[in-house]
Amino acid sequence: MYKEYLTKCGLLGTENMTVIWFNHAIQDEERRRRLYAGEIFVYDDLRSVAEFASFAREIVEAALAAYDPLRVHEALTPSELASVLGRLKPTFTHHHESRRLASRILDELGTDLDDCHMDVPKLRTSYPTGHLTKGIAYAFPAHRDTWYGGPQAQINWWLPIYPLSGDNAMALYPRYFSNPVVNDSDQFNYYRRNVERRGVAKFVDEDPRVQPSAIGLSQDEPEFRLLPAVGGLIVFSGSQLHATASSAGCLSRYSVDFRTVSRSDVERGLGAPNLDVRCTGTALRDFRRASDAAPMPEELARRLDPVGPTQDELAVFNPRAQDR
């Protein structure tokens, strides 16, 4: 039965096999190579991850005050909740502890902090279908982060801060890692997105921003959901096809993710294969060295995008704007 389920999800088979490693001790360079090949790493009981989750819970619970974070959707309207998140998310993202704690995770897992560059950690929220699923709590359909300007060498680090449930988690479609997907990423420009982040909390019923997604993907498409306990972590390539998965009756979900890029890999042109990315612009300038926050060299960003932003666009994430 278990083998049949994995085969249905595209995890087994001669053409679409996906390897998932659990608590695997491995050198970071080799881990990156495997991530670029579509493999996924899951870790449990990491001290640094548990510490980061605890810090994130403190920020969330302080912002929501008397409300139960897992049931706040029962107490606040979508508009009221969007207003709270409009203050909560930037507070978390730009708190000095967020970057420090993310760096501790990288260090615990043997990452070279002088080579590794990371973007700002982001607090993700997912609410039941029919509540707040636009704007600042956008429920992402199936997408690759590379359709949003992420470099091919981007690695995603994702951790829950409260216990997960299967009806509100992250869905992965790993059999598409090696297969192109019809998508509308040609409509997306990363530098325009940096401008659009301002005032995103006002989008409650509709979200006019371009959101690249898979086109024609069946609702019955095989997918799987990894549910690590608090203190656990999922690491995967930014080229993995994934989505927000929730339901009408689920509890609210809170997670944290951050992304990293190896400078040496960008210099050498290493990363996951580019099968179907057609967006313009690059997020590479948002990544800063994990050891001392030094910026990524401009020549590397120009290598990925020789055109650059126009006068009305922003090349670098604006810390006063909202996160996507």
Protein backbone atom coordinates (compact mmCIF):
# COMPACT_ATOMS: atom_id res chain seq x y z
CA MET A 1 0.00 0.00 0.00
CA TYR A 2 2.75 2.47 0.93
CA LYS A 3 4.65 1.73 -2.30
CA GLU A 4 1.45 2.25 -4.33
CA TYR A 5 0.90 5.63 -2.66
CA LEU A 6 4.44 6.79 -3.36
CA THR A 7 4.15 5.68 -6.97
CA LYS A 8 0.86 7.59 -7.35
CA CYS A 9 2.50 10.72 -5.95
CA GLY A 10 5.32 10.44 -8.44
CA LEU A 11 7.92 9.53 -5.82
CA LEU A 12 8.69 6.12 -7.26
CA GLY A 13 9.19 4.97 -10.81
CA THR A 14 12.03 4.79 -13.28
CA GLU A 15 11.36 8.24 -14.75
CA ASN A 16 10.01 10.29 -11.85
CA MET A 17 11.68 8.93 -8.73
CA THR A 18 12.17 11.53 -6.00
CA VAL A 19 14.57 10.90 -3.13
CA ILE A 20 13.61 12.27 0.31
CA TRP A 21 16.33 12.18 2.96
CA PHE A 22 15.46 12.19 6.65
CA ASN A 23 18.03 13.51 9.14
CA HIS A 24 20.79 12.74 6.67
CA ALA A 25 24.31 13.81 7.71
CA ILE A 26 25.91 15.25 4.59
CA GLN A 27 28.34 17.96 3.53
CA ASP A 28 26.56 21.14 2.44
CA GLU A 29 28.09 21.18 -1.04
CA GLU A 30 26.86 17.66 -1.72
CA ARG A 31 23.45 18.50 -0.26
CA ARG A 32 23.16 21.43 -2.69
CA ARG A 33 24.03 19.18 -5.62
CA ARG A 34 21.30 16.76 -4.58
CA LEU A 35 18.78 19.58 -4.07
CA TYR A 36 19.55 20.86 -7.58
CA ALA A 37 18.75 17.35 -8.81
CA GLY A 38 15.30 17.44 -7.16
CA GLU A 39 16.02 15.59 -3.93
CA ILE A 40 14.41 16.82 -0.68
CA PHE A 41 15.83 16.89 2.85
CA VAL A 42 13.79 16.71 6.05
CA TYR A 43 15.26 17.25 9.52
CA ASP A 44 13.75 16.66 12.97
CA ASP A 45 14.57 17.98 16.45
CA LEU A 46 17.07 20.66 15.48
CA ARG A 47 17.83 22.95 18.41
CA SER A 48 18.23 26.01 16.20
CA VAL A 49 14.92 25.35 14.43
CA ALA A 50 13.06 24.90 17.73
CA GLU A 51 14.54 28.19 18.96
CA PHE A 52 13.46 30.01 15.81
CA ALA A 53 9.95 28.54 16.04
CA SER A 54 9.68 29.65 19.67
CA PHE A 55 10.72 33.19 18.76
CA ALA A 56 8.20 33.28 15.91
CA ARG A 57 5.40 32.11 18.19
CA GLU A 58 6.18 34.91 20.64
CA ILE A 59 5.90 37.48 17.84
CA VAL A 60 2.64 35.98 16.55
CA GLU A 61 1.00 35.68 19.96
CA ALA A 62 1.98 39.21 20.96
CA ALA A 63 0.40 40.56 17.76
CA LEU A 64 -2.81 38.55 18.11
CA ALA A 65 -3.13 39.37 21.81
CA ALA A 66 -6.14 37.54 23.29
CA TYR A 67 -6.90 35.49 20.17
CA ASP A 68 -5.94 31.87 19.67
CA PRO A 69 -3.61 31.99 16.62
CA LEU A 70 -4.97 28.68 15.32
CA ARG A 71 -8.57 29.90 15.50
CA VAL A 72 -8.17 33.62 14.92
CA HIS A 73 -10.14 33.30 11.69
CA GLU A 74 -13.19 32.53 13.83
CA ALA A 75 -12.84 35.82 15.72
CA LEU A 76 -11.65 38.32 13.09
CA THR A 77 -13.00 39.16 9.66
CA PRO A 78 -10.62 38.86 6.69
CA SER A 79 -10.20 42.65 6.64
CA GLU A 80 -9.45 42.82 10.36
CA LEU A 81 -6.98 39.98 10.13
CA ALA A 82 -5.24 41.54 7.11
CA SER A 83 -4.74 44.71 9.14
CA VAL A 84 -3.07 42.76 11.95
CA LEU A 85 -0.84 40.86 9.54
CA GLY A 86 0.11 44.13 7.86
CA ARG A 87 1.92 45.04 11.09
CA LEU A 88 2.93 41.56 12.21
CA LYS A 89 4.75 40.31 9.12
CA PRO A 90 7.12 43.24 8.59
CA THR A 91 7.88 43.26 12.33
CA PHE A 92 8.95 39.63 12.13
CA THR A 93 10.81 39.87 8.83
CA HIS A 94 12.94 42.83 9.81
CA HIS A 95 13.53 41.91 13.44
CA HIS A 96 17.27 41.51 14.08
CA GLU A 97 16.63 38.15 15.75
CA SER A 98 15.02 36.66 12.64
CA ARG A 99 18.18 36.82 10.55
CA ARG A 100 20.38 35.72 13.45
CA LEU A 101 18.23 32.66 14.18
CA ALA A 102 18.07 31.69 10.51
CA SER A 103 21.87 31.86 10.38
CA ARG A 104 22.04 29.53 13.38
CA ILE A 105 20.03 26.93 11.46
CA LEU A 106 22.45 27.17 8.55
CA ASP A 107 25.38 26.83 10.91
CA GLU A 108 23.91 23.79 12.69
CA LEU A 109 23.53 22.05 9.35
CA GLY A 110 27.10 22.73 8.30
CA THR A 111 26.60 25.54 5.82
CA ASP A 112 29.58 27.72 4.87
CA LEU A 113 28.31 31.09 6.14
CA ASP A 114 30.88 33.01 4.08
CA ASP A 115 29.67 31.45 0.85
CA CYS A 116 25.98 31.19 1.73
CA HIS A 117 23.79 34.25 1.06
CA MET A 118 20.26 34.43 2.49
CA ASP A 119 17.21 36.60 2.04
CA VAL A 120 15.10 37.91 4.93
CA PRO A 121 13.05 35.25 6.77
CA LYS A 122 9.32 35.48 6.11
CA LEU A 123 6.37 34.55 8.29
CA ARG A 124 3.79 32.65 6.24
CA THR A 125 0.13 32.35 7.20
CA SER A 126 -2.58 30.15 5.71
CA TYR A 127 -6.24 30.39 6.66
CA PRO A 128 -9.28 28.27 5.78
CA THR A 129 -10.65 28.44 2.27
CA GLY A 130 -13.20 31.25 2.15
CA HIS A 131 -11.43 33.44 4.72
CA LEU A 132 -8.31 35.55 4.09
CA THR A 133 -6.55 33.99 1.09
CA LYS A 134 -5.52 37.12 -0.83
CA GLY A 135 -2.89 39.81 -0.44
CA ILE A 136 -0.78 39.45 2.68
CA ALA A 137 -2.06 35.88 3.29
CA TYR A 138 -2.16 34.85 -0.35
CA ALA A 139 -2.89 31.15 -0.89
CA PHE A 140 -0.40 30.26 -3.60
CA PRO A 141 -1.49 27.84 -6.33
CA ALA A 142 1.09 25.46 -7.76
CA HIS A 143 4.22 27.41 -8.66
CA ARG A 144 8.00 27.37 -8.72
CA ASP A 145 9.79 30.15 -6.84
CA THR A 146 11.95 30.59 -9.93
CA TRP A 147 8.83 31.89 -11.73
CA TYR A 148 8.95 34.73 -9.18
CA GLY A 149 12.52 35.78 -10.03
CA GLY A 150 14.30 33.32 -7.74
CA PRO A 151 17.68 32.19 -9.12
CA GLN A 152 18.09 28.58 -10.24
CA ALA A 153 20.52 28.06 -7.33
CA GLN A 154 17.90 29.09 -4.74
CA ILE A 155 17.28 26.70 -1.84
CA ASN A 156 14.18 26.97 0.36
CA TRP A 157 14.19 26.29 4.12
CA TRP A 158 10.66 25.82 5.55
CA LEU A 159 9.65 25.22 9.17
CA PRO A 160 6.34 25.13 11.07
CA ILE A 161 5.94 27.10 14.29
CA TYR A 162 2.81 25.24 15.46
CA PRO A 163 1.93 21.56 14.87
CA LEU A 164 0.88 20.90 11.28
CA SER A 165 -2.19 19.10 10.01
CA GLY A 166 -2.66 17.43 6.67
CA ASP A 167 -5.51 19.75 5.63
CA ASN A 168 -3.42 22.93 5.96
CA ALA A 169 0.16 22.39 4.86
CA MET A 170 2.44 22.76 1.86
CA ALA A 171 1.79 20.52 -1.12
CA LEU A 172 4.68 19.39 -3.32
CA TYR A 173 4.51 18.03 -6.87
CA PRO A 174 8.01 16.58 -7.28
CA ARG A 175 7.36 14.65 -10.48
CA TYR A 176 7.32 18.01 -12.25
CA PHE A 177 10.83 18.87 -11.13
CA SER A 178 12.19 17.27 -14.31
CA ASN A 179 9.22 18.13 -16.52
CA PRO A 180 8.17 21.54 -17.85
CA VAL A 181 4.83 22.94 -16.72
CA VAL A 182 2.60 25.30 -18.71
CA ASN A 183 2.61 28.58 -16.77
CA ASP A 184 2.18 32.33 -17.08
CA SER A 185 5.50 33.43 -15.60
CA ASP A 186 6.13 35.56 -18.69
CA GLN A 187 3.74 38.11 -17.11
CA PHE A 188 5.88 38.53 -13.99
CA ASN A 189 8.60 41.12 -13.45
CA TYR A 190 10.45 40.90 -10.15
CA TYR A 191 11.28 44.60 -9.98
CA ARG A 192 7.63 45.57 -10.40
CA ARG A 193 6.78 43.16 -7.57
CA ASN A 194 9.11 45.08 -5.25
CA VAL A 195 6.99 48.17 -5.92
CA GLU A 196 3.71 46.26 -5.50
CA ARG A 197 4.65 45.05 -2.02
CA ARG A 198 3.59 48.43 -0.64
CA GLY A 199 0.10 48.29 0.84
CA VAL A 200 -0.45 44.60 0.10
CA ALA A 201 -2.58 44.28 3.26
CA LYS A 202 -5.35 46.20 1.50
CA PHE A 203 -5.97 43.27 -0.86
CA VAL A 204 -8.64 41.25 0.94
CA ASP A 205 -11.27 40.13 -1.57
CA GLU A 206 -9.19 40.45 -4.74
CA ASP A 207 -5.46 40.51 -5.47
CA PRO A 208 -4.62 42.32 -8.73
CA ARG A 209 -0.92 41.44 -8.66
CA VAL A 210 0.53 39.02 -11.20
CA GLN A 211 0.92 35.65 -9.46
CA PRO A 212 2.63 33.10 -11.73
CA SER A 213 1.10 29.65 -11.46
CA ALA A 214 0.75 26.36 -13.29
CA ILE A 215 -1.92 26.36 -15.99
CA GLY A 216 -4.17 23.38 -16.53
CA LEU A 217 -2.95 21.40 -13.54
CA SER A 218 -5.74 19.04 -12.48
CA GLN A 219 -7.21 19.32 -9.00
CA ASP A 220 -6.64 15.59 -8.76
CA GLU A 221 -2.95 15.95 -9.58
CA PRO A 222 -0.91 13.65 -7.32
CA GLU A 223 0.92 15.59 -4.60
CA PHE A 224 2.30 14.94 -1.16
CA ARG A 225 2.61 16.87 2.11
CA LEU A 226 5.48 16.54 4.55
CA LEU A 227 4.45 17.25 8.16
CA PRO A 228 7.52 17.69 10.35
CA ALA A 229 6.93 18.39 14.03
CA VAL A 230 7.80 21.80 15.48
CA GLY A 231 11.58 21.83 15.54
CA GLY A 232 11.65 20.14 12.15
CA LEU A 233 12.60 21.55 8.78
CA ILE A 234 12.06 20.88 5.06
CA VAL A 235 14.79 21.87 2.61
CA PHE A 236 14.08 21.86 -1.12
CA SER A 237 15.03 23.56 -4.37
CA GLY A 238 13.25 26.76 -5.39
CA SER A 239 12.51 24.93 -8.64
CA GLN A 240 10.25 22.40 -6.92
CA LEU A 241 6.60 22.86 -7.86
CA HIS A 242 4.64 23.51 -4.65
CA ALA A 243 1.45 25.15 -3.41
CA THR A 244 -0.54 26.23 -0.37
CA ALA A 245 -2.88 23.39 0.60
CA SER A 246 -5.80 24.17 2.91
CA SER A 247 -9.50 23.40 3.36
CA ALA A 248 -12.69 25.09 4.48
CA GLY A 249 -12.61 23.58 7.97
CA CYS A 250 -8.91 23.61 8.80
CA LEU A 251 -7.09 25.46 11.56
CA SER A 252 -4.88 28.42 10.74
CA ARG A 253 -1.27 27.61 9.83
CA TYR A 254 1.89 29.59 10.62
CA SER A 255 5.28 28.77 9.19
CA VAL A 256 8.59 30.46 8.50
CA ASP A 257 10.71 30.19 5.43
CA PHE A 258 13.89 31.73 4.16
CA ARG A 259 15.91 31.17 1.01
CA THR A 260 19.61 30.82 0.42
CA VAL A 261 21.98 30.98 -2.54
CA SER A 262 25.59 29.85 -2.71
CA ARG A 263 27.70 32.60 -4.24
CA SER A 264 30.21 30.09 -5.58
CA ASP A 265 27.44 28.12 -7.27
CA VAL A 266 26.11 31.26 -8.97
CA GLU A 267 29.62 32.12 -10.11
CA ARG A 268 29.99 28.64 -11.61
CA GLY A 269 26.52 28.62 -13.14
CA LEU A 270 25.29 25.76 -10.94
CA GLY A 271 21.68 25.24 -9.94
CA ALA A 272 18.52 23.35 -10.79
CA PRO A 273 17.67 22.98 -14.49
CA ASN A 274 15.64 25.79 -16.04
CA LEU A 275 12.76 24.08 -17.84
CA ASP A 276 10.02 26.69 -18.09
CA VAL A 277 11.00 30.00 -16.40
CA ARG A 278 10.01 33.02 -18.46
CA CYS A 279 9.79 35.82 -15.88
CA THR A 280 12.01 38.92 -16.00
CA GLY A 281 14.22 40.38 -13.30
CA THR A 282 16.11 38.59 -10.56
CA ALA A 283 15.80 38.38 -6.77
CA LEU A 284 19.53 37.75 -6.38
CA ARG A 285 20.20 41.23 -4.95
CA ASP A 286 17.95 40.42 -1.98
CA PHE A 287 20.44 37.80 -0.77
CA ARG A 288 23.11 38.87 1.71
CA ARG A 289 26.02 36.90 3.10
CA ALA A 290 25.01 34.84 6.11
CA SER A 291 28.17 35.63 8.06
CA ASP A 292 28.09 39.45 7.91
CA ALA A 293 25.15 40.57 5.70
CA ALA A 294 27.47 41.74 2.89
CA PRO A 295 25.56 42.18 -0.39
CA MET A 296 25.73 39.84 -3.35
CA PRO A 297 28.10 41.29 -5.98
CA GLU A 298 26.22 43.38 -8.55
CA GLU A 299 28.02 41.70 -11.43
CA LEU A 300 26.39 38.38 -10.50
CA ALA A 301 22.91 39.94 -10.58
CA ARG A 302 23.76 41.46 -13.97
CA ARG A 303 24.89 38.06 -15.17
CA LEU A 304 21.45 36.66 -14.40
CA ASP A 305 19.62 39.74 -15.70
CA PRO A 306 21.67 42.06 -17.92
CA VAL A 307 18.75 44.47 -18.42
CA GLY A 308 18.02 45.37 -14.80
CA PRO A 309 15.15 47.50 -13.48
CA THR A 310 13.67 50.57 -15.14
CA GLN A 311 13.39 53.95 -13.43
CA ASP A 312 9.95 53.10 -12.06
CA GLU A 313 11.01 49.72 -10.65
CA LEU A 314 12.96 48.64 -7.57
CA ALA A 315 16.01 46.38 -7.87
CA VAL A 316 16.17 45.53 -4.17
CA PHE A 317 13.53 44.49 -1.65
CA ASN A 318 12.15 47.56 0.10
CA PRO A 319 12.17 46.91 3.88
CA ARG A 320 9.25 49.29 4.40
CA ALA A 321 7.02 47.31 2.06
CA GLN A 322 5.01 44.15 2.68
CA ASP A 323 6.21 40.64 1.81
CA ARG A 324 4.59 38.52 -0.81
